[in-house]
Every structure is written in structure tokens, then in C-alpha cells.
PDB file of N, CA and C in Angstrom:
ATOM      1  N   MET A   1      15.514  10.370 -15.443  1.00  0.00           N
ATOM      2  CA  MET A   1      15.548  11.390 -14.779  1.00  0.00           C
ATOM      3  C   MET A   1      15.934  10.588 -13.099  1.00  0.00           C
ATOM      4  N   PRO A   2      16.850   9.383 -13.218  1.00  0.00           N
ATOM      5  CA  PRO A   2      16.894   9.297 -11.928  1.00  0.00           C
ATOM      6  C   PRO A   2      18.385   9.638 -11.569  1.00  0.00           C
ATOM      7  N   GLY A   3      19.195   9.266 -12.763  1.00  0.00           N
ATOM      8  CA  GLY A   3      20.361  10.482 -13.244  1.00  0.00           C
ATOM      9  C   GLY A   3      20.157  11.961 -12.379  1.00  0.00           C
ATOM     10  N   VAL A   4      19.548  12.418 -12.909  1.00  0.00           N
ATOM     11  CA  VAL A   4      19.488  13.699 -12.510  1.00  0.00           C
ATOM     12  C   VAL A   4      19.236  13.922 -11.150  1.00  0.00           C
ATOM     13  N   ILE A   5      18.426  13.487 -10.936  1.00  0.00           N
ATOM     14  CA  ILE A   5      18.171  12.968  -8.652  1.00  0.00           C
ATOM     15  C   ILE A   5      19.496  13.012  -8.881  1.00  0.00           C
ATOM     16  N   GLU A   6      20.214  11.794  -8.638  1.00  0.00           N
ATOM     17  CA  GLU A   6      21.335  11.462  -8.207  1.00  0.00           C
ATOM     18  C   GLU A   6      22.806  12.478  -8.543  1.00  0.00           C
ATOM     19  N   ARG A   7      22.829  13.631  -9.623  1.00  0.00           N
ATOM     20  CA  ARG A   7      23.484  14.327  -8.855  1.00  0.00           C
ATOM     21  C   ARG A   7      23.231  15.337  -8.868  1.00  0.00           C
ATOM     22  N   ALA A   8      21.429  16.145  -8.621  1.00  0.00           N
ATOM     23  CA  ALA A   8      21.187  17.140  -7.689  1.00  0.00           C
ATOM     24  C   ALA A   8      21.499  16.970  -6.142  1.00  0.00           C
ATOM     25  N   LEU A   9      21.854  15.483  -5.419  1.00  0.00           N
ATOM     26  CA  LEU A   9      22.285  15.454  -4.024  1.00  0.00           C
ATOM     27  C   LEU A   9      23.006  15.997  -3.773  1.00  0.00           C
ATOM     28  N   ARG A  10      23.140  16.592  -2.501  1.00  0.00           N
ATOM     29  CA  ARG A  10      24.565  17.190  -2.153  1.00  0.00           C
ATOM     30  C   ARG A  10      24.747  15.330  -1.361  1.00  0.00           C
ATOM     31  N   PRO A  11      26.615  15.614  -0.792  1.00  0.00           N
ATOM     32  CA  PRO A  11      27.416  14.237  -0.012  1.00  0.00           C
ATOM     33  C   PRO A  11      25.764  14.464   1.231  1.00  0.00           C
ATOM     34  N   GLY A  12      25.152  13.485   1.339  1.00  0.00           N
ATOM     35  CA  GLY A  12      24.703  12.626   2.645  1.00  0.00           C
ATOM     36  C   GLY A  12      23.680  12.819   2.588  1.00  0.00           C
ATOM     37  N   GLY A  13      23.289  13.565   1.410  1.00  0.00           N
ATOM     38  CA  GLY A  13      21.919  14.136   0.298  1.00  0.00           C
ATOM     39  C   GLY A  13      21.304  12.475   0.288  1.00  0.00           C
ATOM     40  N   VAL A  14      19.400  12.299   0.968  1.00  0.00           N
ATOM     41  CA  VAL A  14      18.980  11.529   0.753  1.00  0.00           C
ATOM     42  C   VAL A  14      17.253  11.333  -0.403  1.00  0.00           C
ATOM     43  N   VAL A  15      17.026  10.207  -1.173  1.00  0.00           N
ATOM     44  CA  VAL A  15      16.052   9.915  -1.977  1.00  0.00           C
ATOM     45  C   VAL A  15      15.318   9.151  -1.132  1.00  0.00           C
ATOM     46  N   VAL A  16      14.196   9.381  -0.924  1.00  0.00           N
ATOM     47  CA  VAL A  16      13.188   8.627  -0.172  1.00  0.00           C
ATOM     48  C   VAL A  16      12.207   8.141  -1.676  1.00  0.00           C
ATOM     49  N   VAL A  17      11.482   6.881  -1.218  1.00  0.00           N
ATOM     50  CA  VAL A  17       9.964   6.755  -2.495  1.00  0.00           C
ATOM     51  C   VAL A  17       9.548   5.620  -2.292  1.00  0.00           C
ATOM     52  N   GLU A  18       7.642   5.976  -1.853  1.00  0.00           N
ATOM     53  CA  GLU A  18       7.420   5.400  -2.035  1.00  0.00           C
ATOM     54  C   GLU A  18       6.118   5.082  -3.179  1.00  0.00           C
ATOM     55  N   ALA A  19       5.601   3.948  -4.352  1.00  0.00           N
ATOM     56  CA  ALA A  19       5.320   3.566  -5.001  1.00  0.00           C
ATOM     57  C   ALA A  19       4.859   1.794  -5.116  1.00  0.00           C
ATOM     58  N   PHE A  20       3.912   1.618  -5.906  1.00  0.00           N
ATOM     59  CA  PHE A  20       3.738   0.619  -5.581  1.00  0.00           C
ATOM     60  C   PHE A  20       4.112   0.322  -6.348  1.00  0.00           C
ATOM     61  N   HIS A  21       4.454  -1.468  -6.530  1.00  0.00           N
ATOM     62  CA  HIS A  21       5.006  -2.718  -6.803  1.00  0.00           C
ATOM     63  C   HIS A  21       3.915  -2.862  -8.575  1.00  0.00           C
ATOM     64  N   ARG A  22       4.685  -3.325  -9.167  1.00  0.00           N
ATOM     65  CA  ARG A  22       3.881  -3.464 -10.790  1.00  0.00           C
ATOM     66  C   ARG A  22       2.788  -5.057  -9.719  1.00  0.00           C
ATOM     67  N   ASP A  23       3.019  -5.452  -8.630  1.00  0.00           N
ATOM     68  CA  ASP A  23       2.449  -6.410  -8.370  1.00  0.00           C
ATOM     69  C   ASP A  23       0.785  -5.671  -7.902  1.00  0.00           C
ATOM     70  N   ALA A  24       0.428  -4.918  -7.671  1.00  0.00           N
ATOM     71  CA  ALA A  24       0.079  -4.391  -6.962  1.00  0.00           C
ATOM     72  C   ALA A  24      -1.446  -3.955  -9.018  1.00  0.00           C
ATOM     73  N   THR A  25      -1.119  -3.764  -9.064  1.00  0.00           N
ATOM     74  CA  THR A  25      -1.093  -4.425 -11.192  1.00  0.00           C
ATOM     75  C   THR A  25      -2.682  -5.319 -10.795  1.00  0.00           C
ATOM     76  N   LYS A  26      -2.777  -6.544 -10.605  1.00  0.00           N
ATOM     77  CA  LYS A  26      -2.834  -7.190 -11.162  1.00  0.00           C
ATOM     78  C   LYS A  26      -3.834  -7.590  -9.680  1.00  0.00           C
ATOM     79  N   GLY A  27      -5.008  -7.831 -10.437  1.00  0.00           N
ATOM     80  CA  GLY A  27      -6.289  -7.993 -10.562  1.00  0.00           C
ATOM     81  C   GLY A  27      -6.981  -6.554 -10.088  1.00  0.00           C
ATOM     82  N   SER A  28      -6.521  -5.313  -9.683  1.00  0.00           N
ATOM     83  CA  SER A  28      -7.060  -4.551  -9.174  1.00  0.00           C
ATOM     84  C   SER A  28      -6.934  -3.191 -10.661  1.00  0.00           C
ATOM     85  N   SER A  29      -7.417  -2.155 -10.805  1.00  0.00           N
ATOM     86  CA  SER A  29      -6.647  -0.704 -10.896  1.00  0.00           C
ATOM     87  C   SER A  29      -6.567  -0.481 -10.179  1.00  0.00           C
ATOM     88  N   ILE A  30      -5.162   0.950  -9.966  1.00  0.00           N
ATOM     89  CA  ILE A  30      -4.536   2.044  -9.612  1.00  0.00           C
ATOM     90  C   ILE A  30      -4.627   2.622 -10.292  1.00  0.00           C
ATOM     91  N   GLY A  31      -5.096   3.028 -11.519  1.00  0.00           N
ATOM     92  CA  GLY A  31      -5.269   4.901 -12.053  1.00  0.00           C
ATOM     93  C   GLY A  31      -3.925   4.138 -13.550  1.00  0.00           C
ATOM     94  N   GLY A  32      -3.307   5.754 -12.201  1.00  0.00           N
ATOM     95  CA  GLY A  32      -2.428   6.141 -13.927  1.00  0.00           C
ATOM     96  C   GLY A  32      -0.479   6.442 -12.708  1.00  0.00           C
ATOM     97  N   ALA A  33      -0.723   5.398 -11.717  1.00  0.00           N
ATOM     98  CA  ALA A  33       0.493   5.396 -11.100  1.00  0.00           C
ATOM     99  C   ALA A  33       1.913   4.619 -11.807  1.00  0.00           C
ATOM    100  N   VAL A  34       2.537   5.355 -10.983  1.00  0.00           N
ATOM    101  CA  VAL A  34       3.603   5.198 -11.378  1.00  0.00           C
ATOM    102  C   VAL A  34       3.970   3.234 -10.408  1.00  0.00           C
ATOM    103  N   VAL A  35       4.745   2.553 -11.053  1.00  0.00           N
ATOM    104  CA  VAL A  35       4.972   1.054  -9.928  1.00  0.00           C
ATOM    105  C   VAL A  35       6.176   0.423 -10.660  1.00  0.00           C
ATOM    106  N   PHE A  36       7.185  -0.273  -9.630  1.00  0.00           N
ATOM    107  CA  PHE A  36       8.306  -0.456 -10.464  1.00  0.00           C
ATOM    108  C   PHE A  36       8.134  -2.004 -10.030  1.00  0.00           C
ATOM    109  N   ASP A  37       9.356  -2.942 -10.515  1.00  0.00           N
ATOM    110  CA  ASP A  37       9.439  -3.924 -10.605  1.00  0.00           C
ATOM    111  C   ASP A  37      10.257  -4.064  -9.249  1.00  0.00           C
ATOM    112  N   THR A  38      10.658  -4.908  -8.389  1.00  0.00           N
ATOM    113  CA  THR A  38      11.173  -5.496  -7.959  1.00  0.00           C
ATOM    114  C   THR A  38      12.584  -5.567  -8.158  1.00  0.00           C
ATOM    115  N   GLY A  39      13.393  -5.033  -6.580  1.00  0.00           N
ATOM    116  CA  GLY A  39      14.875  -4.446  -7.288  1.00  0.00           C
ATOM    117  C   GLY A  39      14.607  -3.706  -8.143  1.00  0.00           C
ATOM    118  N   GLU A  40      14.249  -2.844  -8.938  1.00  0.00           N
ATOM    119  CA  GLU A  40      14.159  -2.022  -9.849  1.00  0.00           C
ATOM    120  C   GLU A  40      14.684  -0.721  -9.431  1.00  0.00           C
ATOM    121  N   LEU A  41      14.210   0.301  -7.717  1.00  0.00           N
ATOM    122  CA  LEU A  41      14.710   1.474  -7.567  1.00  0.00           C
ATOM    123  C   LEU A  41      16.020   1.627  -6.844  1.00  0.00           C
ATOM    124  N   PRO A  42      17.241   0.185  -6.192  1.00  0.00           N
ATOM    125  CA  PRO A  42      17.699   0.297  -6.224  1.00  0.00           C
ATOM    126  C   PRO A  42      18.721   0.562  -6.817  1.00  0.00           C
ATOM    127  N   ALA A  43      18.374  -0.350  -7.942  1.00  0.00           N
ATOM    128  CA  ALA A  43      19.287  -0.587 -10.095  1.00  0.00           C
ATOM    129  C   ALA A  43      19.308   0.904 -10.296  1.00  0.00           C
ATOM    130  N   LEU A  44      18.010   2.402 -10.237  1.00  0.00           N
ATOM    131  CA  LEU A  44      17.183   2.812 -10.828  1.00  0.00           C
ATOM    132  C   LEU A  44      18.826   4.106 -10.420  1.00  0.00           C
ATOM    133  N   PHE A  45      19.397   4.225  -9.150  1.00  0.00           N
ATOM    134  CA  PHE A  45      20.039   4.742  -8.306  1.00  0.00           C
ATOM    135  C   PHE A  45      21.126   4.025  -7.356  1.00  0.00           C
ATOM    136  N   PRO A  46      22.287   3.816  -8.859  1.00  0.00           N
ATOM    137  CA  PRO A  46      23.788   2.701  -8.357  1.00  0.00           C
ATOM    138  C   PRO A  46      24.138   2.995  -7.545  1.00  0.00           C
ATOM    139  N   HIS A  47      24.607   4.684  -7.937  1.00  0.00           N
ATOM    140  CA  HIS A  47      26.305   5.606  -7.210  1.00  0.00           C
ATOM    141  C   HIS A  47      25.008   6.019  -5.424  1.00  0.00           C
ATOM    142  N   LEU A  48      24.062   5.493  -5.177  1.00  0.00           N
ATOM    143  CA  LEU A  48      23.302   5.997  -4.316  1.00  0.00           C
ATOM    144  C   LEU A  48      23.774   4.442  -2.787  1.00  0.00           C
ATOM    145  N   ARG A  49      23.921   4.788  -1.837  1.00  0.00           N
ATOM    146  CA  ARG A  49      24.282   3.625  -0.803  1.00  0.00           C
ATOM    147  C   ARG A  49      22.598   3.747  -0.511  1.00  0.00           C
ATOM    148  N   VAL A  50      21.992   2.540  -0.801  1.00  0.00           N
ATOM    149  CA  VAL A  50      20.997   2.358  -0.172  1.00  0.00           C
ATOM    150  C   VAL A  50      21.006   1.541   1.540  1.00  0.00           C
ATOM    151  N   VAL A  51      20.252   2.963   2.368  1.00  0.00           N
ATOM    152  CA  VAL A  51      19.384   2.801   3.350  1.00  0.00           C
ATOM    153  C   VAL A  51      19.282   2.216   3.352  1.00  0.00           C
ATOM    154  N   ARG A  52      17.886   2.137   3.272  1.00  0.00           N
ATOM    155  CA  ARG A  52      16.337   0.413   3.396  1.00  0.00           C
ATOM    156  C   ARG A  52      15.817   0.694   2.345  1.00  0.00           C
ATOM    157  N   TYR A  53      15.257  -0.380   1.791  1.00  0.00           N
ATOM    158  CA  TYR A  53      14.766  -0.952   0.858  1.00  0.00           C
ATOM    159  C   TYR A  53      13.617  -1.771   1.148  1.00  0.00           C
ATOM    160  N   GLU A  54      12.208  -1.974   1.077  1.00  0.00           N
ATOM    161  CA  GLU A  54      11.555  -2.957   1.023  1.00  0.00           C
ATOM    162  C   GLU A  54      10.550  -3.462   0.339  1.00  0.00           C
ATOM    163  N   GLU A  55      10.083  -4.417  -0.028  1.00  0.00           N
ATOM    164  CA  GLU A  55       8.379  -4.652  -0.653  1.00  0.00           C
ATOM    165  C   GLU A  55       7.111  -5.332   0.534  1.00  0.00           C
ATOM    166  N   PRO A  56       7.052  -4.426   1.241  1.00  0.00           N
ATOM    167  CA  PRO A  56       5.844  -4.383   1.524  1.00  0.00           C
ATOM    168  C   PRO A  56       4.516  -4.997   1.132  1.00  0.00           C
ATOM    169  N   ILE A  57       3.248  -5.416   1.637  1.00  0.00           N
ATOM    170  CA  ILE A  57       2.271  -5.515   1.851  1.00  0.00           C
ATOM    171  C   ILE A  57       1.308  -4.972   2.508  1.00  0.00           C
ATOM    172  N   ALA A  58       1.282  -3.018   2.148  1.00  0.00           N
ATOM    173  CA  ALA A  58       0.939  -2.308   3.287  1.00  0.00           C
ATOM    174  C   ALA A  58       0.061  -1.773   3.048  1.00  0.00           C
ATOM    175  N   THR A  59      -0.599  -0.689   3.805  1.00  0.00           N
ATOM    176  CA  THR A  59      -1.491   0.445   3.120  1.00  0.00           C
ATOM    177  C   THR A  59      -0.083   1.338   2.726  1.00  0.00           C
ATOM    178  N   ALA A  60      -0.005   1.897   1.799  1.00  0.00           N
ATOM    179  CA  ALA A  60       0.364   2.964   1.609  1.00  0.00           C
ATOM    180  C   ALA A  60       0.038   4.426   1.896  1.00  0.00           C
ATOM    181  N   ASP A  61       0.629   4.981   2.716  1.00  0.00           N
ATOM    182  CA  ASP A  61       0.162   6.851   2.664  1.00  0.00           C
ATOM    183  C   ASP A  61      -0.440   6.911   1.971  1.00  0.00           C
ATOM    184  N   PHE A  62      -0.253   7.209   0.740  1.00  0.00           N
ATOM    185  CA  PHE A  62      -1.594   7.685  -0.298  1.00  0.00           C
ATOM    186  C   PHE A  62      -2.978   6.776  -1.026  1.00  0.00           C
ATOM    187  N   GLY A  63      -2.373   5.049   0.012  1.00  0.00           N
ATOM    188  CA  GLY A  63      -3.941   4.745  -0.070  1.00  0.00           C
ATOM    189  C   GLY A  63      -4.883   4.278   0.749  1.00  0.00           C
ATOM    190  N   LEU A  64      -5.768   3.838   0.011  1.00  0.00           N
ATOM    191  CA  LEU A  64      -6.930   2.588   1.412  1.00  0.00           C
ATOM    192  C   LEU A  64      -6.705   1.212   2.138  1.00  0.00           C
ATOM    193  N   ASP A  65      -6.177   0.523   0.624  1.00  0.00           N
ATOM    194  CA  ASP A  65      -6.576  -0.624   0.749  1.00  0.00           C
ATOM    195  C   ASP A  65      -4.802  -1.244   0.665  1.00  0.00           C
ATOM    196  N   LYS A  66      -4.350  -2.690   1.211  1.00  0.00           N
ATOM    197  CA  LYS A  66      -3.198  -2.516   1.484  1.00  0.00           C
ATOM    198  C   LYS A  66      -2.814  -3.340   0.219  1.00  0.00           C
ATOM    199  N   VAL A  67      -1.615  -3.191  -0.617  1.00  0.00           N
ATOM    200  CA  VAL A  67      -1.367  -3.681  -1.606  1.00  0.00           C
ATOM    201  C   VAL A  67      -0.115  -4.410  -1.329  1.00  0.00           C
ATOM    202  N   ARG A  68       0.930  -4.481  -2.292  1.00  0.00           N
ATOM    203  CA  ARG A  68       2.646  -4.932  -2.745  1.00  0.00           C
ATOM    204  C   ARG A  68       2.727  -3.213  -2.911  1.00  0.00           C
ATOM    205  N   LEU A  69       4.165  -2.539  -2.510  1.00  0.00           N
ATOM    206  CA  LEU A  69       4.573  -1.473  -2.167  1.00  0.00           C
ATOM    207  C   LEU A  69       5.592  -1.274  -2.402  1.00  0.00           C
ATOM    208  N   VAL A  70       6.918  -0.696  -2.948  1.00  0.00           N
ATOM    209  CA  VAL A  70       8.432  -0.095  -3.253  1.00  0.00           C
ATOM    210  C   VAL A  70       8.741   0.882  -2.576  1.00  0.00           C
ATOM    211  N   ARG A  71       8.870   0.437  -1.382  1.00  0.00           N
ATOM    212  CA  ARG A  71      10.247   1.502  -0.130  1.00  0.00           C
ATOM    213  C   ARG A  71      11.063   1.863  -0.910  1.00  0.00           C
ATOM    214  N   TYR A  72      12.211   2.116  -0.942  1.00  0.00           N
ATOM    215  CA  TYR A  72      13.351   3.199  -0.743  1.00  0.00           C
ATOM    216  C   TYR A  72      13.700   4.466  -0.278  1.00  0.00           C
ATOM    217  N   CYS A  73      15.390   4.148   0.122  1.00  0.00           N
ATOM    218  CA  CYS A  73      15.641   5.050   0.913  1.00  0.00           C
ATOM    219  C   CYS A  73      17.531   4.816   0.291  1.00  0.00           C
ATOM    220  N   GLY A  74      17.739   6.143  -0.352  1.00  0.00           N
ATOM    221  CA  GLY A  74      19.249   6.194  -1.122  1.00  0.00           C
ATOM    222  C   GLY A  74      20.135   7.334  -0.520  1.00  0.00           C
ATOM    223  N   GLU A  75      21.053   6.821  -0.309  1.00  0.00           N
ATOM    224  CA  GLU A  75      21.924   8.477   0.015  1.00  0.00           C
ATOM    225  C   GLU A  75      23.180   8.663  -0.211  1.00  0.00           C
ATOM    226  N   ARG A  76      23.635   9.778  -1.031  1.00  0.00           N
ATOM    227  CA  ARG A  76      24.520   9.414  -1.988  1.00  0.00           C
ATOM    228  C   ARG A  76      25.982  10.003  -0.743  1.00  0.00           C
ATOM    229  N   PRO A  77      27.309   9.409  -1.057  1.00  0.00           N
ATOM    230  CA  PRO A  77      27.723   9.332   0.013  1.00  0.00           C
ATOM    231  C   PRO A  77      28.892  10.412  -0.034  1.00  0.00           C
ATOM    232  N   GLU A  78      29.425  10.624   1.324  1.00  0.00           N
ATOM    233  CA  GLU A  78      30.603  11.576   1.883  1.00  0.00           C
ATOM    234  C   GLU A  78      30.851  11.660   0.859  1.00  0.00           C
TER     235      GLU A  78
END
């Protein structure tokens, strides 16, 4: 799927992802959410330039509690 996303982007187009880090599943259930390991998102999009990548403990846009997240923004080169 990441390859499909990369090819669908025009030059200068961006992908933005916020999701749970796998650590968020330790000690609590987050349902059927998608989780990512450390550094996994940049590795999934090797042809995109990383604009920003972070793994904060924060409140997600889609949640109420502070948990470990992954935030990624990648840009297709011009």
C-alpha cells in the first residue's frame, strides 16, 4: 500500500500520518487500531523526503488519553 500512495502523489505532494506507536498497546487496549514501530513509517516510504517525524507521548487527535504516537510527514520530491 505505501508504494501505491507514493506513486499517487504528484511532485511536491505530501503524506501525513498520525497513529499509535506499538508502545501504546502495552498495558492497555486500543481496539483494532493500526500501530507502528519506531522508525517504521519513514522506512515504508523510502522515496519520500521526510519533512517531519516524531514519536511523542501526547493526546492524539483521535483520542482522549496521552499515549505514545507516531507522526510522519513525507513529501514526494519535485
